[in-house]
Amino acid sequence: GVVGDVPDVIKKIEYAQLKNKPVDGHAPGLRGEALKKYVSYGIST
């Protein structure tokens, strides 16, 4: 959902960023360009 820019998913991340709160990740096996896109949204762990 993050990599695919699903609106409801991105909204949750943006709400965390507005409050300056970290965003935890969960991306088993994610590599390459998809990983770069995922991390670009501020995923920090």
PDB file of all heavy atoms in Angstrom:
ATOM      1  N   GLY A   1       0.808  -1.218   0.000  1.00  0.00           N
ATOM      2  CA  GLY A   1       0.000   0.000   0.000  1.00  0.00           C
ATOM      3  C   GLY A   1       0.833   1.255   0.000  1.00  0.00           C
ATOM      4  O   GLY A   1       0.471   2.270  -0.619  1.00  0.00           O
ATOM      5  N   VAL A   2       1.986   1.209   0.682  1.00  0.00           N
ATOM      6  CA  VAL A   2       2.893   2.365   0.684  1.00  0.00           C
ATOM      7  C   VAL A   2       3.510   2.542  -0.697  1.00  0.00           C
ATOM      8  O   VAL A   2       3.493   3.636  -1.270  1.00  0.00           O
ATOM      9  CB  VAL A   2       3.995   2.188   1.746  1.00  0.00           C
ATOM     10  CG1 VAL A   2       4.973   3.359   1.690  1.00  0.00           C
ATOM     11  CG2 VAL A   2       3.395   2.060   3.136  1.00  0.00           C
ATOM     12  N   VAL A   3       4.055   1.459  -1.229  1.00  0.00           N
ATOM     13  CA  VAL A   3       4.705   1.519  -2.538  1.00  0.00           C
ATOM     14  C   VAL A   3       3.706   1.900  -3.626  1.00  0.00           C
ATOM     15  O   VAL A   3       4.035   2.599  -4.584  1.00  0.00           O
ATOM     16  CB  VAL A   3       5.372   0.160  -2.857  1.00  0.00           C
ATOM     17  CG1 VAL A   3       5.962   0.150  -4.258  1.00  0.00           C
ATOM     18  CG2 VAL A   3       6.472  -0.133  -1.832  1.00  0.00           C
ATOM     19  N   GLY A   4       2.455   1.474  -3.446  1.00  0.00           N
ATOM     20  CA  GLY A   4       1.420   1.767  -4.433  1.00  0.00           C
ATOM     21  C   GLY A   4       0.680   3.064  -4.185  1.00  0.00           C
ATOM     22  O   GLY A   4      -0.317   3.349  -4.868  1.00  0.00           O
ATOM     23  N   ASP A   5       1.127   3.853  -3.201  1.00  0.00           N
ATOM     24  CA  ASP A   5       0.520   5.167  -2.916  1.00  0.00           C
ATOM     25  C   ASP A   5      -0.974   5.076  -2.620  1.00  0.00           C
ATOM     26  O   ASP A   5      -1.768   5.931  -3.044  1.00  0.00           O
ATOM     27  CB  ASP A   5       0.743   6.138  -4.086  1.00  0.00           C
ATOM     28  CG  ASP A   5       2.213   6.395  -4.382  1.00  0.00           C
ATOM     29  OD1 ASP A   5       2.953   6.719  -3.446  1.00  0.00           O
ATOM     30  OD2 ASP A   5       2.619   6.237  -5.551  1.00  0.00           O
ATOM     31  N   VAL A   6      -1.383   4.073  -1.873  1.00  0.00           N
ATOM     32  CA  VAL A   6      -2.789   3.952  -1.489  1.00  0.00           C
ATOM     33  C   VAL A   6      -3.144   5.101  -0.550  1.00  0.00           C
ATOM     34  O   VAL A   6      -2.495   5.283   0.486  1.00  0.00           O
ATOM     35  CB  VAL A   6      -3.046   2.593  -0.817  1.00  0.00           C
ATOM     36  CG1 VAL A   6      -4.469   2.510  -0.279  1.00  0.00           C
ATOM     37  CG2 VAL A   6      -2.778   1.458  -1.805  1.00  0.00           C
ATOM     38  N   PRO A   7      -4.147   5.899  -0.865  1.00  0.00           N
ATOM     39  CA  PRO A   7      -4.410   7.142  -0.114  1.00  0.00           C
ATOM     40  C   PRO A   7      -4.580   6.962   1.393  1.00  0.00           C
ATOM     41  O   PRO A   7      -3.991   7.717   2.175  1.00  0.00           O
ATOM     42  CB  PRO A   7      -5.699   7.665  -0.767  1.00  0.00           C
ATOM     43  CG  PRO A   7      -5.639   7.144  -2.168  1.00  0.00           C
ATOM     44  CD  PRO A   7      -5.025   5.780  -2.049  1.00  0.00           C
ATOM     45  N   ASP A   8      -5.378   5.985   1.831  1.00  0.00           N
ATOM     46  CA  ASP A   8      -5.600   5.825   3.266  1.00  0.00           C
ATOM     47  C   ASP A   8      -4.326   5.433   4.005  1.00  0.00           C
ATOM     48  O   ASP A   8      -4.107   5.842   5.151  1.00  0.00           O
ATOM     49  CB  ASP A   8      -6.681   4.767   3.519  1.00  0.00           C
ATOM     50  CG  ASP A   8      -8.084   5.335   3.344  1.00  0.00           C
ATOM     51  OD1 ASP A   8      -8.193   6.529   3.008  1.00  0.00           O
ATOM     52  OD2 ASP A   8      -9.050   4.578   3.537  1.00  0.00           O
ATOM     53  N   VAL A   9      -3.476   4.652   3.344  1.00  0.00           N
ATOM     54  CA  VAL A   9      -2.205   4.249   3.937  1.00  0.00           C
ATOM     55  C   VAL A   9      -1.285   5.467   4.071  1.00  0.00           C
ATOM     56  O   VAL A   9      -0.675   5.693   5.124  1.00  0.00           O
ATOM     57  CB  VAL A   9      -1.530   3.153   3.092  1.00  0.00           C
ATOM     58  CG1 VAL A   9      -0.130   2.841   3.616  1.00  0.00           C
ATOM     59  CG2 VAL A   9      -2.391   1.894   3.075  1.00  0.00           C
ATOM     60  N   ILE A  10      -1.188   6.236   3.026  1.00  0.00           N
ATOM     61  CA  ILE A  10      -0.310   7.418   3.035  1.00  0.00           C
ATOM     62  C   ILE A  10      -0.798   8.450   4.050  1.00  0.00           C
ATOM     63  O   ILE A  10       0.014   9.107   4.718  1.00  0.00           O
ATOM     64  CB  ILE A  10      -0.222   8.033   1.623  1.00  0.00           C
ATOM     65  CG1 ILE A  10       0.294   6.983   0.624  1.00  0.00           C
ATOM     66  CG2 ILE A  10       0.677   9.256   1.639  1.00  0.00           C
ATOM     67  CD1 ILE A  10       1.590   6.318   0.999  1.00  0.00           C
ATOM     68  N   LYS A  11      -2.117   8.573   4.208  1.00  0.00           N
ATOM     69  CA  LYS A  11      -2.653   9.530   5.184  1.00  0.00           C
ATOM     70  C   LYS A  11      -2.155   9.215   6.588  1.00  0.00           C
ATOM     71  O   LYS A  11      -1.812  10.118   7.362  1.00  0.00           O
ATOM     72  CB  LYS A  11      -4.182   9.484   5.170  1.00  0.00           C
ATOM     73  CG  LYS A  11      -4.835  10.325   4.091  1.00  0.00           C
ATOM     74  CD  LYS A  11      -6.349  10.265   4.249  1.00  0.00           C
ATOM     75  CE  LYS A  11      -7.052  11.037   3.144  1.00  0.00           C
ATOM     76  NZ  LYS A  11      -8.530  10.963   3.281  1.00  0.00           N
ATOM     77  N   LYS A  12      -2.135   7.944   6.941  1.00  0.00           N
ATOM     78  CA  LYS A  12      -1.685   7.559   8.281  1.00  0.00           C
ATOM     79  C   LYS A  12      -0.234   7.965   8.502  1.00  0.00           C
ATOM     80  O   LYS A  12       0.132   8.464   9.564  1.00  0.00           O
ATOM     81  CB  LYS A  12      -1.853   6.043   8.475  1.00  0.00           C
ATOM     82  CG  LYS A  12      -3.301   5.578   8.467  1.00  0.00           C
ATOM     83  CD  LYS A  12      -3.395   4.056   8.533  1.00  0.00           C
ATOM     84  CE  LYS A  12      -4.829   3.570   8.438  1.00  0.00           C
ATOM     85  NZ  LYS A  12      -4.952   2.101   8.454  1.00  0.00           N
ATOM     86  N   ILE A  13       0.603   7.759   7.498  1.00  0.00           N
ATOM     87  CA  ILE A  13       2.008   8.153   7.602  1.00  0.00           C
ATOM     88  C   ILE A  13       2.121   9.669   7.719  1.00  0.00           C
ATOM     89  O   ILE A  13       2.889  10.198   8.538  1.00  0.00           O
ATOM     90  CB  ILE A  13       2.795   7.637   6.386  1.00  0.00           C
ATOM     91  CG1 ILE A  13       2.817   6.105   6.383  1.00  0.00           C
ATOM     92  CG2 ILE A  13       4.225   8.180   6.393  1.00  0.00           C
ATOM     93  CD1 ILE A  13       3.428   5.496   5.137  1.00  0.00           C
ATOM     94  N   GLU A  14       1.356  10.389   6.917  1.00  0.00           N
ATOM     95  CA  GLU A  14       1.413  11.859   6.942  1.00  0.00           C
ATOM     96  C   GLU A  14       0.957  12.404   8.289  1.00  0.00           C
ATOM     97  O   GLU A  14       1.523  13.393   8.787  1.00  0.00           O
ATOM     98  CB  GLU A  14       0.553  12.420   5.811  1.00  0.00           C
ATOM     99  CG  GLU A  14       1.156  12.177   4.433  1.00  0.00           C
ATOM    100  CD  GLU A  14       0.253  12.617   3.302  1.00  0.00           C
ATOM    101  OE1 GLU A  14      -0.957  12.846   3.545  1.00  0.00           O
ATOM    102  OE2 GLU A  14       0.752  12.738   2.162  1.00  0.00           O
ATOM    103  N   TYR A  15      -0.033  11.776   8.907  1.00  0.00           N
ATOM    104  CA  TYR A  15      -0.476  12.223  10.225  1.00  0.00           C
ATOM    105  C   TYR A  15       0.635  12.053  11.256  1.00  0.00           C
ATOM    106  O   TYR A  15       0.822  12.910  12.137  1.00  0.00           O
ATOM    107  CB  TYR A  15      -1.714  11.440  10.665  1.00  0.00           C
ATOM    108  CG  TYR A  15      -2.979  11.794   9.915  1.00  0.00           C
ATOM    109  CD1 TYR A  15      -3.983  10.839   9.728  1.00  0.00           C
ATOM    110  CD2 TYR A  15      -3.189  13.073   9.395  1.00  0.00           C
ATOM    111  CE1 TYR A  15      -5.152  11.154   9.033  1.00  0.00           C
ATOM    112  CE2 TYR A  15      -4.344  13.381   8.702  1.00  0.00           C
ATOM    113  CZ  TYR A  15      -5.325  12.420   8.518  1.00  0.00           C
ATOM    114  OH  TYR A  15      -6.485  12.740   7.840  1.00  0.00           O
ATOM    115  N   ALA A  16       1.388  10.968  11.161  1.00  0.00           N
ATOM    116  CA  ALA A  16       2.513  10.778  12.077  1.00  0.00           C
ATOM    117  C   ALA A  16       3.579  11.839  11.847  1.00  0.00           C
ATOM    118  O   ALA A  16       4.145  12.394  12.804  1.00  0.00           O
ATOM    119  CB  ALA A  16       3.104   9.381  11.889  1.00  0.00           C
ATOM    120  N   GLN A  17       3.858  12.130  10.596  1.00  0.00           N
ATOM    121  CA  GLN A  17       4.880  13.125  10.278  1.00  0.00           C
ATOM    122  C   GLN A  17       4.471  14.520  10.735  1.00  0.00           C
ATOM    123  O   GLN A  17       5.304  15.310  11.188  1.00  0.00           O
ATOM    124  CB  GLN A  17       5.172  13.094   8.783  1.00  0.00           C
ATOM    125  CG  GLN A  17       5.854  11.795   8.341  1.00  0.00           C
ATOM    126  CD  GLN A  17       5.932  11.623   6.842  1.00  0.00           C
ATOM    127  OE1 GLN A  17       5.130  12.202   6.100  1.00  0.00           O
ATOM    128  NE2 GLN A  17       6.873  10.819   6.371  1.00  0.00           N
ATOM    129  N   LEU A  18       3.175  14.831  10.639  1.00  0.00           N
ATOM    130  CA  LEU A  18       2.685  16.128  11.117  1.00  0.00           C
ATOM    131  C   LEU A  18       2.903  16.296  12.617  1.00  0.00           C
ATOM    132  O   LEU A  18       3.148  17.400  13.103  1.00  0.00           O
ATOM    133  CB  LEU A  18       1.199  16.288  10.798  1.00  0.00           C
ATOM    134  CG  LEU A  18       0.845  16.610   9.340  1.00  0.00           C
ATOM    135  CD1 LEU A  18      -0.665  16.536   9.126  1.00  0.00           C
ATOM    136  CD2 LEU A  18       1.362  17.996   8.955  1.00  0.00           C
ATOM    137  N   LYS A  19       2.862  15.187  13.345  1.00  0.00           N
ATOM    138  CA  LYS A  19       3.084  15.224  14.795  1.00  0.00           C
ATOM    139  C   LYS A  19       4.541  14.968  15.142  1.00  0.00           C
ATOM    140  O   LYS A  19       4.899  14.858  16.316  1.00  0.00           O
ATOM    141  CB  LYS A  19       2.198  14.184  15.482  1.00  0.00           C
ATOM    142  CG  LYS A  19       0.707  14.398  15.267  1.00  0.00           C
ATOM    143  CD  LYS A  19       0.225  15.747  15.768  1.00  0.00           C
ATOM    144  CE  LYS A  19       0.309  15.866  17.262  1.00  0.00           C
ATOM    145  NZ  LYS A  19      -0.254  17.127  17.775  1.00  0.00           N
ATOM    146  N   ASN A  20       5.404  14.854  14.120  1.00  0.00           N
ATOM    147  CA  ASN A  20       6.836  14.611  14.312  1.00  0.00           C
ATOM    148  C   ASN A  20       7.080  13.341  15.117  1.00  0.00           C
ATOM    149  O   ASN A  20       7.923  13.297  16.018  1.00  0.00           O
ATOM    150  CB  ASN A  20       7.497  15.816  14.999  1.00  0.00           C
ATOM    151  CG  ASN A  20       9.011  15.784  14.880  1.00  0.00           C
ATOM    152  OD1 ASN A  20       9.559  15.258  13.905  1.00  0.00           O
ATOM    153  ND2 ASN A  20       9.692  16.326  15.878  1.00  0.00           N
ATOM    154  N   LYS A  21       6.318  12.288  14.758  1.00  0.00           N
ATOM    155  CA  LYS A  21       6.464  11.006  15.435  1.00  0.00           C
ATOM    156  C   LYS A  21       6.997   9.974  14.456  1.00  0.00           C
ATOM    157  O   LYS A  21       6.604   9.960  13.285  1.00  0.00           O
ATOM    158  CB  LYS A  21       5.123  10.567  16.026  1.00  0.00           C
ATOM    159  CG  LYS A  21       4.659  11.508  17.144  1.00  0.00           C
ATOM    160  CD  LYS A  21       3.360  11.057  17.803  1.00  0.00           C
ATOM    161  CE  LYS A  21       3.011  12.015  18.955  1.00  0.00           C
ATOM    162  NZ  LYS A  21       1.777  11.608  19.658  1.00  0.00           N
ATOM    163  N   PRO A  22       7.913   9.109  14.904  1.00  0.00           N
ATOM    164  CA  PRO A  22       8.527   8.123  14.005  1.00  0.00           C
ATOM    165  C   PRO A  22       7.497   7.166  13.407  1.00  0.00           C
ATOM    166  O   PRO A  22       6.432   6.922  13.992  1.00  0.00           O
ATOM    167  CB  PRO A  22       9.512   7.371  14.904  1.00  0.00           C
ATOM    168  CG  PRO A  22       9.708   8.241  16.104  1.00  0.00           C
ATOM    169  CD  PRO A  22       8.442   9.008  16.279  1.00  0.00           C
ATOM    170  N   VAL A  23       7.848   6.597  12.254  1.00  0.00           N
ATOM    171  CA  VAL A  23       7.018   5.593  11.591  1.00  0.00           C
ATOM    172  C   VAL A  23       7.810   4.290  11.541  1.00  0.00           C
ATOM    173  O   VAL A  23       8.888   4.235  10.948  1.00  0.00           O
ATOM    174  CB  VAL A  23       6.626   6.024  10.170  1.00  0.00           C
ATOM    175  CG1 VAL A  23       5.760   4.941   9.505  1.00  0.00           C
ATOM    176  CG2 VAL A  23       5.897   7.367  10.191  1.00  0.00           C
ATOM    177  N   ASP A  24       7.269   3.264  12.166  1.00  0.00           N
ATOM    178  CA  ASP A  24       7.929   1.961  12.173  1.00  0.00           C
ATOM    179  C   ASP A  24       7.610   1.192  10.899  1.00  0.00           C
ATOM    180  O   ASP A  24       6.502   1.288  10.356  1.00  0.00           O
ATOM    181  CB  ASP A  24       7.473   1.135  13.375  1.00  0.00           C
ATOM    182  CG  ASP A  24       8.363   1.327  14.586  1.00  0.00           C
ATOM    183  OD1 ASP A  24       9.300   2.130  14.512  1.00  0.00           O
ATOM    184  OD2 ASP A  24       8.119   0.671  15.619  1.00  0.00           O
ATOM    185  N   GLY A  25       8.598   0.398  10.449  1.00  0.00           N
ATOM    186  CA  GLY A  25       8.418  -0.393   9.252  1.00  0.00           C
ATOM    187  C   GLY A  25       8.198  -1.866   9.538  1.00  0.00           C
ATOM    188  O   GLY A  25       8.404  -2.353  10.655  1.00  0.00           O
ATOM    189  N   HIS A  26       7.782  -2.563   8.486  1.00  0.00           N
ATOM    190  CA  HIS A  26       7.609  -4.016   8.507  1.00  0.00           C
ATOM    191  C   HIS A  26       7.612  -4.425   7.039  1.00  0.00           C
ATOM    192  O   HIS A  26       6.590  -4.341   6.361  1.00  0.00           O
ATOM    193  CB  HIS A  26       6.281  -4.387   9.172  1.00  0.00           C
ATOM    194  CG  HIS A  26       5.922  -5.844   9.050  1.00  0.00           C
ATOM    195  ND1 HIS A  26       5.843  -6.683  10.132  1.00  0.00           N
ATOM    196  CD2 HIS A  26       5.610  -6.604   7.978  1.00  0.00           C
ATOM    197  CE1 HIS A  26       5.489  -7.892   9.726  1.00  0.00           C
ATOM    198  NE2 HIS A  26       5.340  -7.870   8.417  1.00  0.00           N
ATOM    199  N   ALA A  27       8.780  -4.821   6.544  1.00  0.00           N
ATOM    200  CA  ALA A  27       8.903  -5.080   5.107  1.00  0.00           C
ATOM    201  C   ALA A  27       9.811  -6.278   4.858  1.00  0.00           C
ATOM    202  O   ALA A  27      10.917  -6.131   4.342  1.00  0.00           O
ATOM    203  CB  ALA A  27       9.441  -3.845   4.395  1.00  0.00           C
ATOM    204  N   PRO A  28       9.349  -7.486   5.202  1.00  0.00           N
ATOM    205  CA  PRO A  28      10.205  -8.665   5.009  1.00  0.00           C
ATOM    206  C   PRO A  28      10.545  -8.894   3.544  1.00  0.00           C
ATOM    207  O   PRO A  28       9.661  -8.988   2.695  1.00  0.00           O
ATOM    208  CB  PRO A  28       9.347  -9.810   5.565  1.00  0.00           C
ATOM    209  CG  PRO A  28       7.939  -9.301   5.530  1.00  0.00           C
ATOM    210  CD  PRO A  28       8.040  -7.836   5.762  1.00  0.00           C
ATOM    211  N   GLY A  29      11.849  -8.932   3.263  1.00  0.00           N
ATOM    212  CA  GLY A  29      12.309  -9.243   1.911  1.00  0.00           C
ATOM    213  C   GLY A  29      12.220  -8.106   0.914  1.00  0.00           C
ATOM    214  O   GLY A  29      12.615  -8.280  -0.246  1.00  0.00           O
ATOM    215  N   LEU A  30      11.753  -6.949   1.315  1.00  0.00           N
ATOM    216  CA  LEU A  30      11.609  -5.832   0.367  1.00  0.00           C
ATOM    217  C   LEU A  30      12.988  -5.271   0.009  1.00  0.00           C
ATOM    218  O   LEU A  30      13.767  -4.918   0.893  1.00  0.00           O
ATOM    219  CB  LEU A  30      10.734  -4.734   0.974  1.00  0.00           C
ATOM    220  CG  LEU A  30      10.236  -3.661   0.003  1.00  0.00           C
ATOM    221  CD1 LEU A  30       9.315  -4.267  -1.049  1.00  0.00           C
ATOM    222  CD2 LEU A  30       9.510  -2.544   0.762  1.00  0.00           C
ATOM    223  N   ARG A  31      13.285  -5.188  -1.270  1.00  0.00           N
ATOM    224  CA  ARG A  31      14.597  -4.761  -1.738  1.00  0.00           C
ATOM    225  C   ARG A  31      14.427  -3.835  -2.949  1.00  0.00           C
ATOM    226  O   ARG A  31      13.339  -3.635  -3.478  1.00  0.00           O
ATOM    227  CB  ARG A  31      15.441  -5.978  -2.164  1.00  0.00           C
ATOM    228  CG  ARG A  31      15.577  -7.104  -1.135  1.00  0.00           C
ATOM    229  CD  ARG A  31      16.514  -6.769  -0.013  1.00  0.00           C
ATOM    230  NE  ARG A  31      17.870  -6.594  -0.466  1.00  0.00           N
ATOM    231  CZ  ARG A  31      18.778  -7.574  -0.560  1.00  0.00           C
ATOM    232  NH1 ARG A  31      18.433  -8.825  -0.259  1.00  0.00           N
ATOM    233  NH2 ARG A  31      20.014  -7.335  -0.948  1.00  0.00           N
ATOM    234  N   GLY A  32      15.539  -3.253  -3.382  1.00  0.00           N
ATOM    235  CA  GLY A  32      15.577  -2.527  -4.642  1.00  0.00           C
ATOM    236  C   GLY A  32      14.723  -1.273  -4.675  1.00  0.00           C
ATOM    237  O   GLY A  32      14.594  -0.551  -3.679  1.00  0.00           O
ATOM    238  N   GLU A  33      14.152  -0.995  -5.847  1.00  0.00           N
ATOM    239  CA  GLU A  33      13.396   0.238  -6.049  1.00  0.00           C
ATOM    240  C   GLU A  33      12.157   0.302  -5.169  1.00  0.00           C
ATOM    241  O   GLU A  33      11.782   1.389  -4.701  1.00  0.00           O
ATOM    242  CB  GLU A  33      13.002   0.376  -7.527  1.00  0.00           C
ATOM    243  CG  GLU A  33      14.191   0.579  -8.457  1.00  0.00           C
ATOM    244  CD  GLU A  33      15.027   1.794  -8.068  1.00  0.00           C
ATOM    245  OE1 GLU A  33      14.433   2.871  -7.808  1.00  0.00           O
ATOM    246  OE2 GLU A  33      16.270   1.663  -8.005  1.00  0.00           O
ATOM    247  N   ALA A  34      11.512  -0.845  -4.951  1.00  0.00           N
ATOM    248  CA  ALA A  34      10.335  -0.852  -4.084  1.00  0.00           C
ATOM    249  C   ALA A  34      10.710  -0.450  -2.661  1.00  0.00           C
ATOM    250  O   ALA A  34       9.978   0.303  -1.996  1.00  0.00           O
ATOM    251  CB  ALA A  34       9.681  -2.224  -4.093  1.00  0.00           C
ATOM    252  N   LEU A  35      11.868  -0.910  -2.192  1.00  0.00           N
ATOM    253  CA  LEU A  35      12.334  -0.531  -0.865  1.00  0.00           C
ATOM    254  C   LEU A  35      12.624   0.967  -0.805  1.00  0.00           C
ATOM    255  O   LEU A  35      12.252   1.643   0.167  1.00  0.00           O
ATOM    256  CB  LEU A  35      13.583  -1.332  -0.503  1.00  0.00           C
ATOM    257  CG  LEU A  35      14.279  -0.927   0.808  1.00  0.00           C
ATOM    258  CD1 LEU A  35      13.355  -1.123   2.004  1.00  0.00           C
ATOM    259  CD2 LEU A  35      15.570  -1.738   0.995  1.00  0.00           C
ATOM    260  N   LYS A  36      13.273   1.494  -1.816  1.00  0.00           N
ATOM    261  CA  LYS A  36      13.570   2.933  -1.838  1.00  0.00           C
ATOM    262  C   LYS A  36      12.286   3.753  -1.762  1.00  0.00           C
ATOM    263  O   LYS A  36      12.220   4.773  -1.064  1.00  0.00           O
ATOM    264  CB  LYS A  36      14.358   3.283  -3.095  1.00  0.00           C
ATOM    265  CG  LYS A  36      15.783   2.748  -3.119  1.00  0.00           C
ATOM    266  CD  LYS A  36      16.487   3.108  -4.421  1.00  0.00           C
ATOM    267  CE  LYS A  36      17.895   2.522  -4.469  1.00  0.00           C
ATOM    268  NZ  LYS A  36      18.563   2.825  -5.768  1.00  0.00           N
ATOM    269  N   LYS A  37      11.260   3.310  -2.485  1.00  0.00           N
ATOM    270  CA  LYS A  37       9.979   4.015  -2.457  1.00  0.00           C
ATOM    271  C   LYS A  37       9.369   3.932  -1.055  1.00  0.00           C
ATOM    272  O   LYS A  37       8.864   4.938  -0.516  1.00  0.00           O
ATOM    273  CB  LYS A  37       9.033   3.386  -3.495  1.00  0.00           C
ATOM    274  CG  LYS A  37       7.637   3.973  -3.536  1.00  0.00           C
ATOM    275  CD  LYS A  37       7.621   5.348  -4.184  1.00  0.00           C
ATOM    276  CE  LYS A  37       6.188   5.879  -4.321  1.00  0.00           C
ATOM    277  NZ  LYS A  37       5.397   5.112  -5.304  1.00  0.00           N
ATOM    278  N   TYR A  38       9.422   2.779  -0.467  1.00  0.00           N
ATOM    279  CA  TYR A  38       8.870   2.563   0.881  1.00  0.00           C
ATOM    280  C   TYR A  38       9.562   3.470   1.894  1.00  0.00           C
ATOM    281  O   TYR A  38       8.909   4.179   2.673  1.00  0.00           O
ATOM    282  CB  TYR A  38       9.069   1.094   1.234  1.00  0.00           C
ATOM    283  CG  TYR A  38       8.533   0.631   2.567  1.00  0.00           C
ATOM    284  CD1 TYR A  38       7.168   0.538   2.800  1.00  0.00           C
ATOM    285  CD2 TYR A  38       9.410   0.218   3.573  1.00  0.00           C
ATOM    286  CE1 TYR A  38       6.689   0.066   4.019  1.00  0.00           C
ATOM    287  CE2 TYR A  38       8.943  -0.262   4.783  1.00  0.00           C
ATOM    288  CZ  TYR A  38       7.570  -0.333   5.004  1.00  0.00           C
ATOM    289  OH  TYR A  38       7.096  -0.809   6.213  1.00  0.00           O
ATOM    290  N   VAL A  39      10.882   3.493   1.859  1.00  0.00           N
ATOM    291  CA  VAL A  39      11.656   4.292   2.817  1.00  0.00           C
ATOM    292  C   VAL A  39      11.469   5.784   2.568  1.00  0.00           C
ATOM    293  O   VAL A  39      11.509   6.597   3.506  1.00  0.00           O
ATOM    294  CB  VAL A  39      13.144   3.897   2.747  1.00  0.00           C
ATOM    295  CG1 VAL A  39      14.004   4.837   3.585  1.00  0.00           C
ATOM    296  CG2 VAL A  39      13.332   2.449   3.209  1.00  0.00           C
ATOM    297  N   SER A  40      11.228   6.179   1.325  1.00  0.00           N
ATOM    298  CA  SER A  40      11.072   7.602   0.994  1.00  0.00           C
ATOM    299  C   SER A  40       9.897   8.243   1.718  1.00  0.00           C
ATOM    300  O   SER A  40       9.834   9.476   1.847  1.00  0.00           O
ATOM    301  CB  SER A  40      10.905   7.780  -0.520  1.00  0.00           C
ATOM    302  OG  SER A  40       9.615   7.346  -0.952  1.00  0.00           O
ATOM    303  N   TYR A  41       8.974   7.435   2.187  1.00  0.00           N
ATOM    304  CA  TYR A  41       7.827   7.976   2.935  1.00  0.00           C
ATOM    305  C   TYR A  41       8.139   8.173   4.414  1.00  0.00           C
ATOM    306  O   TYR A  41       7.244   8.475   5.201  1.00  0.00           O
ATOM    307  CB  TYR A  41       6.621   7.058   2.775  1.00  0.00           C
ATOM    308  CG  TYR A  41       5.797   7.374   1.541  1.00  0.00           C
ATOM    309  CD1 TYR A  41       5.850   6.553   0.427  1.00  0.00           C
ATOM    310  CD2 TYR A  41       4.984   8.501   1.494  1.00  0.00           C
ATOM    311  CE1 TYR A  41       5.103   6.839  -0.707  1.00  0.00           C
ATOM    312  CE2 TYR A  41       4.229   8.800   0.373  1.00  0.00           C
ATOM    313  CZ  TYR A  41       4.285   7.962  -0.729  1.00  0.00           C
ATOM    314  OH  TYR A  41       3.538   8.266  -1.842  1.00  0.00           O
ATOM    315  N   GLY A  42       9.387   8.009   4.786  1.00  0.00           N
ATOM    316  CA  GLY A  42       9.766   8.266   6.172  1.00  0.00           C
ATOM    317  C   GLY A  42       9.745   7.040   7.063  1.00  0.00           C
ATOM    318  O   GLY A  42       9.824   7.169   8.294  1.00  0.00           O
ATOM    319  N   ILE A  43       9.663   5.853   6.471  1.00  0.00           N
ATOM    320  CA  ILE A  43       9.740   4.625   7.272  1.00  0.00           C
ATOM    321  C   ILE A  43      11.126   4.560   7.902  1.00  0.00           C
ATOM    322  O   ILE A  43      12.139   4.627   7.206  1.00  0.00           O
ATOM    323  CB  ILE A  43       9.496   3.380   6.409  1.00  0.00           C
ATOM    324  CG1 ILE A  43       8.207   3.512   5.602  1.00  0.00           C
ATOM    325  CG2 ILE A  43       9.497   2.137   7.281  1.00  0.00           C
ATOM    326  CD1 ILE A  43       6.943   3.578   6.397  1.00  0.00           C
ATOM    327  N   SER A  44      11.197   4.400   9.220  1.00  0.00           N
ATOM    328  CA  SER A  44      12.482   4.596   9.898  1.00  0.00           C
ATOM    329  C   SER A  44      13.068   3.358  10.537  1.00  0.00           C
ATOM    330  O   SER A  44      14.227   3.384  10.979  1.00  0.00           O
ATOM    331  CB  SER A  44      12.327   5.689  10.968  1.00  0.00           C
ATOM    332  OG  SER A  44      11.389   5.289  11.959  1.00  0.00           O
ATOM    333  N   THR A  45      12.302   2.264  10.624  1.00  0.00           N
ATOM    334  CA  THR A  45      12.817   1.049  11.260  1.00  0.00           C
ATOM    335  C   THR A  45      12.351  -0.183  10.486  1.00  0.00           C
ATOM    336  O   THR A  45      11.421  -0.109   9.675  1.00  0.00           O
ATOM    337  CB  THR A  45      12.321   0.897  12.716  1.00  0.00           C
ATOM    338  OG1 THR A  45      10.905   0.644  12.712  1.00  0.00           O
ATOM    339  CG2 THR A  45      12.627   2.127  13.546  1.00  0.00           C
TER     340      THR A  45
END
